[in-house]
Amino acid sequence: MSEIMQVHIDALGAEGHGLARLPDGAALFVAGALPGEEVTVLPTGDGRARLEKILHPSADRVDPPCDLFGRCGGCSVQYMSLPLSLRWKTDTVLRALHGAGYTDPIPVTSWQGAPLTRRRVDLAFARTEQGMVIGLHRKRGEVVDMTQCHVLEPALFALLPLLRPMLHSLPAIRRGGDLQINMLDSGPDLLLATDGPLGPDDRRILAQFAASQRIPRISWRPQGSHDIPETAAQTGGVWHEFSGVRTAPPPGAFLQPSRAGEDAIRCAILEALPTKRLKGDIIELYAGCGTLSFALAERGRVMAHEGDAAAFACLKQACGGTRVQPFHRDLNRQPVMGAVLAKAGAVVLDPPHAGAGAQLHQITDGKPLNVIYVSCNPTALRRDATALRQAGYRLDRLTVIDQFLWSTEVESVCLFTRPAPPRRR
């Protein structure tokens, strides 16, 4: 049977857990502990231990600002100061790149967002004896009612008290469902998923709610479905601007979590582009609705590729009169070929969480001179960066973006370059 022991926390692991070393050199991960702390723990197996008592707290330990911390399924490291969080996330990305073989010093810039700026959220709701609760799932548990939040934009959070009674009145909700809210430039855009069918009474209630709260659109689909959502209520136009170009995002469209975070990623990409005139087009992979496309078009012609049909339709509709040429293409099944990529002045890719997959093989085959890679997953970044290094790319600069405050999520923008081949005489 395990006994309580005293350990010193040396560092933070990938999940934000404190890392201690046992006398035999084995790693022990302690959730809730910070570097420099002396703590007592109870080992629970598999190299993990439960924090029992903090004997000497770190100067970077702070009181969690939210009363729901520890119960809500959202923020996981609110006891960690934001400066330490940014340093840890920067180190996490650098370790991934070092693991890929990039060990030489490079210019590193780090950016961190502010609280109360998140403009999109995926929520769950559940019918209870006390009424409707809306929030995030407790780990392996029920929905925790989001009665406060230090992450969401105040205007987004202010919708929750209004949504509870409205959702409670919907016959389409038997036990619960899901709700996604995007704060677009045109106003809140809601995508509702219920465990029962939407009937005439539901549509009437949703229409009244949309009109009274000035919500341009409420869309709906069955819970668990990936079908194209249907419009349940609409009171006005739905639009959002990317770099001054107006788009019409589909229900549930992907947005960067915050406006400032989107600006930070965009600026990092533009700064990574060559300062001299590009010798070919910019090929953008995983373009979405045009988050980056129109900013890139200020530097050259953009060949923007997107696989999701709804996002592509939004991008295509907005491209008129711009230097963006859209292509509908599933980049895993039909990647842009290396022969095409070889002629690009720069390749910009913002792949999904799993990484660039089959598309990366074509990049390493084509060997374009400049590859700007936007990552949301250090593990996938390590794998893809390894392939780029093996193909002869060097890592020239890195920007780390922290717009997921008090979480383990981190984004980064990496510039990979290849020396130009010698000219033939």
Protein backbone atom coordinates (compact mmCIF):
# COMPACT_ATOMS: atom_id res chain seq x y z
CA MET A 1 0.00 0.00 0.00
CA SER A 2 1.33 3.47 -0.97
CA GLU A 3 2.41 5.86 1.75
CA ILE A 4 2.50 9.62 1.82
CA MET A 5 5.91 10.96 0.85
CA GLN A 6 7.61 14.33 0.56
CA VAL A 7 8.97 15.38 -2.84
CA HIS A 8 10.42 18.45 -4.53
CA ILE A 9 8.77 19.64 -7.77
CA ASP A 10 11.40 20.30 -10.42
CA ALA A 11 9.36 21.23 -13.51
CA LEU A 12 6.00 21.03 -15.25
CA GLY A 13 4.93 18.18 -17.51
CA ALA A 14 2.95 18.35 -20.74
CA GLU A 15 -0.39 18.37 -18.90
CA GLY A 16 0.69 21.11 -16.50
CA HIS A 17 1.29 18.64 -13.69
CA GLY A 18 4.26 19.09 -11.39
CA LEU A 19 7.18 16.77 -12.12
CA ALA A 20 9.22 15.27 -9.28
CA ARG A 21 12.00 12.70 -9.39
CA LEU A 22 12.01 9.71 -7.06
CA PRO A 23 15.29 8.43 -5.55
CA ASP A 24 15.54 5.83 -8.33
CA GLY A 25 15.18 8.58 -10.97
CA ALA A 26 11.61 7.66 -11.93
CA ALA A 27 9.28 10.51 -12.83
CA LEU A 28 6.31 11.28 -10.61
CA PHE A 29 3.58 13.64 -11.87
CA VAL A 30 1.56 15.61 -9.33
CA ALA A 31 -1.52 17.51 -10.49
CA GLY A 32 -1.78 20.93 -8.86
CA ALA A 33 1.90 21.26 -7.92
CA LEU A 34 4.28 23.92 -9.26
CA PRO A 35 8.04 24.03 -9.87
CA GLY A 36 10.11 24.84 -6.78
CA GLU A 37 7.47 23.61 -4.35
CA GLU A 38 8.06 21.14 -1.56
CA VAL A 39 4.93 18.98 -1.22
CA THR A 40 3.61 15.80 0.31
CA VAL A 41 1.90 13.39 -2.05
CA LEU A 42 0.20 10.01 -2.13
CA PRO A 43 1.28 7.86 -5.09
CA THR A 44 -1.69 6.47 -7.04
CA GLY A 45 0.17 4.33 -9.58
CA ASP A 46 1.28 4.78 -13.19
CA GLY A 47 3.82 7.43 -12.20
CA ARG A 48 1.19 9.74 -10.72
CA ALA A 49 0.45 11.02 -7.24
CA ARG A 50 -2.25 12.99 -5.48
CA LEU A 51 -1.23 16.29 -3.92
CA GLU A 52 -1.77 16.14 -0.17
CA LYS A 53 -0.12 19.26 1.25
CA ILE A 54 1.99 22.16 -0.02
CA LEU A 55 4.82 22.70 2.45
CA HIS A 56 6.60 25.53 0.63
CA PRO A 57 4.47 27.23 -2.06
CA SER A 58 5.90 28.72 -5.25
CA ALA A 59 5.89 32.48 -5.77
CA ASP A 60 3.93 31.68 -8.95
CA ARG A 61 1.07 30.09 -7.02
CA VAL A 62 -2.06 32.28 -7.06
CA ASP A 63 -5.60 31.96 -5.80
CA PRO A 64 -7.86 30.70 -8.61
CA PRO A 65 -10.03 33.67 -9.67
CA CYS A 66 -13.12 31.52 -10.35
CA ASP A 67 -15.25 29.89 -7.65
CA LEU A 68 -16.02 27.03 -10.05
CA PHE A 69 -12.38 26.02 -10.45
CA GLY A 70 -11.94 22.35 -9.68
CA ARG A 71 -15.56 21.55 -10.55
CA CYS A 72 -16.08 23.12 -13.99
CA GLY A 73 -14.56 21.12 -16.83
CA GLY A 74 -12.89 24.20 -18.34
CA CYS A 75 -9.84 25.85 -16.78
CA SER A 76 -7.33 23.38 -15.36
CA VAL A 77 -4.41 25.49 -14.07
CA GLN A 78 -5.91 28.62 -12.48
CA TYR A 79 -3.58 28.20 -9.51
CA MET A 80 -0.67 29.01 -11.84
CA SER A 81 0.29 32.63 -12.50
CA LEU A 82 -0.21 33.74 -16.09
CA PRO A 83 3.49 34.63 -16.58
CA LEU A 84 4.49 31.11 -15.49
CA SER A 85 1.81 29.66 -17.75
CA LEU A 86 3.24 31.48 -20.76
CA ARG A 87 6.80 30.39 -19.93
CA TRP A 88 5.66 26.79 -19.55
CA LYS A 89 3.72 26.80 -22.83
CA THR A 90 6.69 28.36 -24.62
CA ASP A 91 8.94 25.64 -23.19
CA THR A 92 6.42 22.98 -24.27
CA VAL A 93 6.61 24.14 -27.89
CA LEU A 94 10.42 24.45 -27.77
CA ARG A 95 10.72 20.91 -26.37
CA ALA A 96 8.59 19.64 -29.25
CA LEU A 97 10.87 21.36 -31.75
CA HIS A 98 13.99 20.16 -29.96
CA GLY A 99 12.55 16.64 -30.16
CA ALA A 100 12.24 17.16 -33.91
CA GLY A 101 15.95 17.95 -34.08
CA TYR A 102 15.84 21.77 -34.04
CA THR A 103 18.24 22.60 -31.23
CA ASP A 104 19.96 25.74 -32.52
CA PRO A 105 18.89 29.05 -30.91
CA ILE A 106 16.23 30.94 -32.86
CA PRO A 107 14.25 34.16 -32.32
CA VAL A 108 11.26 33.32 -30.10
CA THR A 109 8.32 35.65 -29.48
CA SER A 110 5.57 34.83 -27.00
CA TRP A 111 2.11 36.39 -26.82
CA GLN A 112 -0.61 35.93 -24.20
CA GLY A 113 -4.21 37.03 -24.33
CA ALA A 114 -6.28 38.65 -21.61
CA PRO A 115 -9.15 37.30 -19.50
CA LEU A 116 -12.76 37.93 -20.57
CA THR A 117 -11.95 37.89 -24.30
CA ARG A 118 -13.08 34.48 -25.55
CA ARG A 119 -15.73 34.92 -28.25
CA ARG A 120 -16.69 31.32 -28.97
CA VAL A 121 -17.71 28.47 -26.71
CA ASP A 122 -19.11 24.94 -26.90
CA LEU A 123 -21.47 24.27 -24.01
CA ALA A 124 -23.66 21.46 -22.76
CA PHE A 125 -27.03 21.84 -21.06
CA ALA A 126 -29.15 19.49 -18.98
CA ARG A 127 -32.66 19.48 -17.56
CA THR A 128 -32.66 19.10 -13.77
CA GLU A 129 -35.21 19.33 -10.96
CA GLN A 130 -33.89 22.82 -10.23
CA GLY A 131 -34.20 23.94 -13.85
CA MET A 132 -31.91 24.08 -16.87
CA VAL A 133 -28.16 24.13 -16.24
CA ILE A 134 -25.71 25.33 -18.91
CA GLY A 135 -21.97 24.93 -18.75
CA LEU A 136 -19.16 22.47 -19.26
CA HIS A 137 -19.01 18.83 -18.25
CA ARG A 138 -17.22 17.99 -15.05
CA LYS A 139 -14.54 15.41 -15.88
CA ARG A 140 -16.43 12.14 -16.40
CA GLY A 141 -19.51 13.72 -14.88
CA GLU A 142 -22.55 15.93 -15.14
CA VAL A 143 -22.86 19.45 -16.51
CA VAL A 144 -21.64 22.11 -14.08
CA ASP A 145 -23.77 25.25 -14.25
CA MET A 146 -21.63 28.15 -15.48
CA THR A 147 -22.62 30.82 -12.97
CA GLN A 148 -19.38 32.73 -13.55
CA CYS A 149 -16.55 32.69 -16.07
CA HIS A 150 -13.31 34.66 -16.27
CA VAL A 151 -12.62 33.57 -19.84
CA LEU A 152 -15.70 34.46 -21.91
CA GLU A 153 -16.48 37.89 -23.32
CA PRO A 154 -18.99 39.56 -20.97
CA ALA A 155 -21.53 39.91 -23.80
CA LEU A 156 -21.35 36.17 -24.47
CA PHE A 157 -21.60 35.24 -20.79
CA ALA A 158 -24.58 37.59 -20.39
CA LEU A 159 -26.57 35.34 -22.73
CA LEU A 160 -26.48 32.38 -20.35
CA PRO A 161 -29.01 33.65 -17.76
CA LEU A 162 -31.37 34.44 -20.67
CA LEU A 163 -30.86 31.06 -22.30
CA ARG A 164 -31.66 28.95 -19.22
CA PRO A 165 -35.43 29.68 -19.03
CA MET A 166 -35.79 29.65 -22.82
CA LEU A 167 -34.16 26.24 -23.14
CA HIS A 168 -36.21 24.96 -20.21
CA SER A 169 -39.39 25.80 -22.16
CA LEU A 170 -38.38 23.87 -25.30
CA PRO A 171 -40.29 20.58 -25.79
CA ALA A 172 -37.42 19.38 -28.00
CA ILE A 173 -35.18 19.05 -24.93
CA ARG A 174 -35.90 15.85 -23.06
CA ARG A 175 -32.77 15.46 -20.98
CA GLY A 176 -30.23 17.80 -22.53
CA GLY A 177 -28.13 18.80 -25.50
CA ASP A 178 -25.33 21.01 -26.76
CA LEU A 179 -24.98 24.67 -27.66
CA GLN A 180 -22.28 26.45 -29.62
CA ILE A 181 -22.10 30.25 -29.54
CA ASN A 182 -19.97 32.36 -31.90
CA MET A 183 -19.83 36.11 -31.32
CA LEU A 184 -19.73 37.28 -34.94
CA ASP A 185 -19.54 40.90 -36.05
CA SER A 186 -23.27 40.67 -36.84
CA GLY A 187 -24.08 39.42 -33.32
CA PRO A 188 -24.36 36.07 -31.49
CA ASP A 189 -24.71 33.05 -33.76
CA LEU A 190 -26.19 30.01 -32.00
CA LEU A 191 -26.05 26.35 -33.02
CA LEU A 192 -28.38 24.23 -30.90
CA ALA A 193 -28.43 20.43 -30.71
CA THR A 194 -31.26 18.70 -28.81
CA ASP A 195 -32.09 15.11 -27.90
CA GLY A 196 -35.62 15.46 -29.28
CA PRO A 197 -37.02 16.63 -32.64
CA LEU A 198 -37.72 20.31 -33.24
CA GLY A 199 -41.45 20.98 -33.50
CA PRO A 200 -43.61 24.03 -34.29
CA ASP A 201 -43.71 25.15 -30.64
CA ASP A 202 -39.91 24.98 -30.44
CA ARG A 203 -39.55 27.08 -33.57
CA ARG A 204 -41.97 29.68 -32.24
CA ILE A 205 -40.07 29.92 -28.92
CA LEU A 206 -36.71 30.19 -30.69
CA ALA A 207 -38.03 32.86 -33.07
CA GLN A 208 -39.37 34.93 -30.16
CA PHE A 209 -36.09 34.59 -28.27
CA ALA A 210 -34.01 35.57 -31.31
CA ALA A 211 -36.16 38.64 -31.92
CA SER A 212 -36.18 39.77 -28.28
CA GLN A 213 -32.40 39.33 -27.85
CA ARG A 214 -31.39 40.57 -31.31
CA ILE A 215 -29.80 37.29 -32.26
CA PRO A 216 -29.46 37.15 -36.07
CA ARG A 217 -29.59 33.36 -36.38
CA ILE A 218 -30.33 30.24 -34.35
CA SER A 219 -29.55 26.96 -36.13
CA TRP A 220 -30.45 23.44 -35.06
CA ARG A 221 -29.58 19.80 -35.62
CA PRO A 222 -30.15 16.58 -33.64
CA GLN A 223 -27.74 15.93 -30.80
CA GLY A 224 -24.84 13.76 -31.95
CA SER A 225 -25.52 14.46 -35.63
CA HIS A 226 -22.99 15.83 -38.09
CA ASP A 227 -25.68 16.73 -40.62
CA ILE A 228 -25.82 20.22 -42.08
CA PRO A 229 -27.71 22.36 -39.52
CA GLU A 230 -31.05 23.88 -40.45
CA THR A 231 -32.02 27.45 -39.67
CA ALA A 232 -34.57 27.42 -36.85
CA ALA A 233 -34.89 31.20 -36.50
CA GLN A 234 -33.39 34.18 -38.32
CA THR A 235 -33.92 37.87 -37.68
CA GLY A 236 -31.18 39.43 -39.83
CA GLY A 237 -28.03 39.00 -41.85
CA VAL A 238 -25.15 36.90 -40.52
CA TRP A 239 -21.68 38.22 -41.32
CA HIS A 240 -18.16 38.52 -40.04
CA GLU A 241 -15.13 40.39 -41.36
CA PHE A 242 -11.65 38.98 -41.85
CA SER A 243 -9.06 41.67 -42.67
CA GLY A 244 -11.79 44.01 -43.88
CA VAL A 245 -13.52 41.45 -46.13
CA ARG A 246 -17.09 40.56 -45.21
CA THR A 247 -17.93 36.85 -45.10
CA ALA A 248 -21.10 34.89 -44.27
CA PRO A 249 -19.95 32.10 -41.92
CA PRO A 250 -22.02 28.90 -41.75
CA PRO A 251 -23.55 27.71 -38.46
CA GLY A 252 -20.86 26.49 -36.09
CA ALA A 253 -18.06 28.03 -38.16
CA PHE A 254 -14.54 27.85 -36.78
CA LEU A 255 -13.28 31.10 -35.29
CA GLN A 256 -10.08 31.72 -33.41
CA PRO A 257 -11.04 31.92 -29.71
CA SER A 258 -10.37 35.63 -29.40
CA ARG A 259 -10.07 38.61 -31.71
CA ALA A 260 -6.70 39.57 -30.26
CA GLY A 261 -5.45 35.99 -30.63
CA GLU A 262 -6.48 35.94 -34.27
CA ASP A 263 -4.63 39.23 -34.80
CA ALA A 264 -1.52 37.80 -33.10
CA ILE A 265 -1.49 34.74 -35.37
CA ARG A 266 -2.10 36.86 -38.46
CA CYS A 267 0.71 39.26 -37.56
CA ALA A 268 3.13 36.41 -36.86
CA ILE A 269 2.40 34.90 -40.28
CA LEU A 270 2.78 38.19 -42.14
CA GLU A 271 6.07 38.87 -40.36
CA ALA A 272 7.29 35.39 -41.35
CA LEU A 273 6.68 36.01 -45.05
CA PRO A 274 9.75 37.06 -47.07
CA THR A 275 10.21 40.83 -47.11
CA LYS A 276 11.19 40.77 -50.77
CA ARG A 277 8.63 40.26 -53.50
CA LEU A 278 7.49 36.64 -53.57
CA LYS A 279 8.62 34.67 -56.61
CA GLY A 280 5.40 32.65 -56.71
CA ASP A 281 1.89 32.48 -55.35
CA ILE A 282 1.07 31.95 -51.69
CA ILE A 283 -0.49 28.52 -51.32
CA GLU A 284 -2.72 28.38 -48.25
CA LEU A 285 -3.77 24.99 -46.89
CA TYR A 286 -6.73 24.52 -44.51
CA ALA A 287 -8.02 28.04 -45.23
CA GLY A 288 -11.37 27.76 -43.44
CA CYS A 289 -13.68 30.72 -44.03
CA GLY A 290 -10.74 33.02 -44.82
CA THR A 291 -9.34 33.83 -41.38
CA LEU A 292 -5.87 34.35 -42.89
CA SER A 293 -6.58 34.35 -46.63
CA PHE A 294 -7.45 38.00 -47.12
CA ALA A 295 -4.54 39.23 -45.00
CA LEU A 296 -2.19 37.06 -47.05
CA ALA A 297 -3.67 38.53 -50.24
CA GLU A 298 -2.19 41.88 -49.28
CA ARG A 299 1.22 40.30 -50.01
CA GLY A 300 0.43 38.33 -53.17
CA ARG A 301 -2.00 36.09 -54.97
CA VAL A 302 -3.36 33.37 -52.67
CA MET A 303 -4.38 29.86 -53.72
CA ALA A 304 -6.62 28.98 -50.75
CA HIS A 305 -7.58 25.33 -50.20
CA GLU A 306 -10.33 24.13 -47.85
CA GLY A 307 -11.99 20.73 -47.49
CA ASP A 308 -15.12 21.54 -45.48
CA ALA A 309 -17.96 22.27 -47.89
CA ALA A 310 -19.68 24.91 -45.77
CA ALA A 311 -16.46 26.78 -44.97
CA PHE A 312 -15.42 26.63 -48.62
CA ALA A 313 -18.78 28.07 -49.75
CA CYS A 314 -18.28 30.97 -47.30
CA LEU A 315 -14.74 31.57 -48.57
CA LYS A 316 -15.75 31.38 -52.24
CA GLN A 317 -18.61 33.83 -51.79
CA ALA A 318 -16.28 36.41 -50.24
CA CYS A 319 -13.42 36.15 -52.77
CA GLY A 320 -14.83 38.40 -55.47
CA GLY A 321 -12.60 41.39 -56.14
CA THR A 322 -9.76 39.99 -54.02
CA ARG A 323 -6.51 38.22 -54.86
CA VAL A 324 -7.76 35.00 -53.24
CA GLN A 325 -8.60 32.05 -55.49
CA PRO A 326 -10.45 29.33 -53.55
CA PHE A 327 -10.23 25.56 -54.12
CA HIS A 328 -12.48 22.91 -52.56
CA ARG A 329 -10.18 20.04 -51.69
CA ASP A 330 -9.93 17.37 -48.99
CA LEU A 331 -6.23 17.69 -48.24
CA ASN A 332 -5.96 14.29 -46.59
CA ARG A 333 -7.52 12.41 -49.50
CA GLN A 334 -6.37 14.72 -52.27
CA PRO A 335 -3.37 16.75 -51.10
CA VAL A 336 -1.94 19.53 -53.21
CA MET A 337 0.90 17.84 -55.04
CA GLY A 338 4.57 18.55 -54.53
CA ALA A 339 5.06 19.72 -58.12
CA VAL A 340 2.55 22.51 -57.50
CA LEU A 341 3.92 23.41 -54.07
CA ALA A 342 7.45 23.62 -55.48
CA LYS A 343 6.49 26.74 -57.43
CA ALA A 344 4.98 28.57 -54.43
CA GLY A 345 6.56 31.68 -53.02
CA ALA A 346 5.36 30.49 -49.63
CA VAL A 347 3.16 27.72 -48.25
CA VAL A 348 1.01 28.64 -45.25
CA LEU A 349 -0.79 25.83 -43.45
CA ASP A 350 -3.02 25.76 -40.38
CA PRO A 351 -3.76 22.04 -40.05
CA PRO A 352 -6.20 20.37 -37.65
CA HIS A 353 -5.17 19.04 -34.24
CA ALA A 354 -3.85 15.78 -35.71
CA GLY A 355 -1.40 17.61 -37.97
CA ALA A 356 -0.91 17.85 -41.72
CA GLY A 357 -1.00 14.11 -42.50
CA ALA A 358 -0.74 13.19 -46.17
CA GLN A 359 -0.37 16.85 -47.16
CA LEU A 360 2.95 17.12 -45.37
CA HIS A 361 4.46 14.38 -47.54
CA GLN A 362 3.75 16.51 -50.60
CA ILE A 363 5.33 19.55 -48.94
CA THR A 364 8.53 17.64 -48.23
CA ASP A 365 8.49 16.26 -51.79
CA GLY A 366 7.92 19.67 -53.41
CA LYS A 367 10.34 21.50 -51.12
CA PRO A 368 8.94 25.06 -51.42
CA LEU A 369 11.41 27.60 -50.08
CA ASN A 370 9.18 28.96 -47.29
CA VAL A 371 6.76 26.99 -45.12
CA ILE A 372 4.80 28.79 -42.41
CA TYR A 373 3.19 26.24 -40.11
CA VAL A 374 0.46 27.18 -37.59
CA SER A 375 0.20 24.54 -34.87
CA CYS A 376 -2.39 23.89 -32.16
CA ASN A 377 -0.79 20.63 -30.97
CA PRO A 378 2.88 20.35 -29.93
CA THR A 379 2.81 16.55 -30.39
CA ALA A 380 1.70 16.85 -34.02
CA LEU A 381 4.14 19.73 -34.51
CA ARG A 382 7.03 17.54 -33.36
CA ARG A 383 6.09 14.83 -35.86
CA ASP A 384 5.62 17.21 -38.79
CA ALA A 385 8.69 19.29 -37.92
CA THR A 386 10.78 16.11 -37.88
CA ALA A 387 9.74 15.41 -41.47
CA LEU A 388 10.56 18.98 -42.47
CA ARG A 389 14.02 18.80 -40.89
CA GLN A 390 14.71 15.52 -42.65
CA ALA A 391 13.73 17.21 -45.93
CA GLY A 392 16.41 19.88 -45.39
CA TYR A 393 14.39 22.68 -43.77
CA ARG A 394 15.79 24.91 -41.06
CA LEU A 395 13.69 26.60 -38.38
CA ASP A 396 14.12 30.37 -38.61
CA ARG A 397 11.61 31.82 -36.15
CA LEU A 398 8.90 30.89 -33.68
CA THR A 399 5.94 32.71 -32.17
CA VAL A 400 4.05 31.09 -29.28
CA ILE A 401 0.40 32.12 -28.89
CA ASP A 402 -1.50 31.62 -25.62
CA GLN A 403 -5.14 32.53 -26.12
CA PHE A 404 -6.44 29.57 -24.06
CA LEU A 405 -5.81 31.04 -20.63
CA TRP A 406 -5.60 28.69 -17.63
CA SER A 407 -5.59 25.62 -19.89
CA THR A 408 -2.93 23.31 -21.31
CA GLU A 409 -3.68 24.35 -24.92
CA VAL A 410 -1.06 26.32 -26.86
CA GLU A 411 -0.64 27.49 -30.44
CA SER A 412 2.47 28.45 -32.36
CA VAL A 413 3.59 29.86 -35.69
CA CYS A 414 6.83 28.43 -37.12
CA LEU A 415 8.80 29.58 -40.15
CA PHE A 416 10.69 26.79 -41.91
CA THR A 417 12.96 27.67 -44.86
CA ARG A 418 15.20 25.89 -47.33
CA PRO A 419 18.25 27.38 -48.99
CA ALA A 420 17.56 28.28 -52.61
CA PRO A 421 19.13 25.81 -55.05
CA PRO A 422 22.21 27.18 -56.88
CA ARG A 423 21.53 28.73 -60.26
CA ARG A 424 22.63 26.78 -63.28
CA ARG A 425 25.25 28.49 -65.42
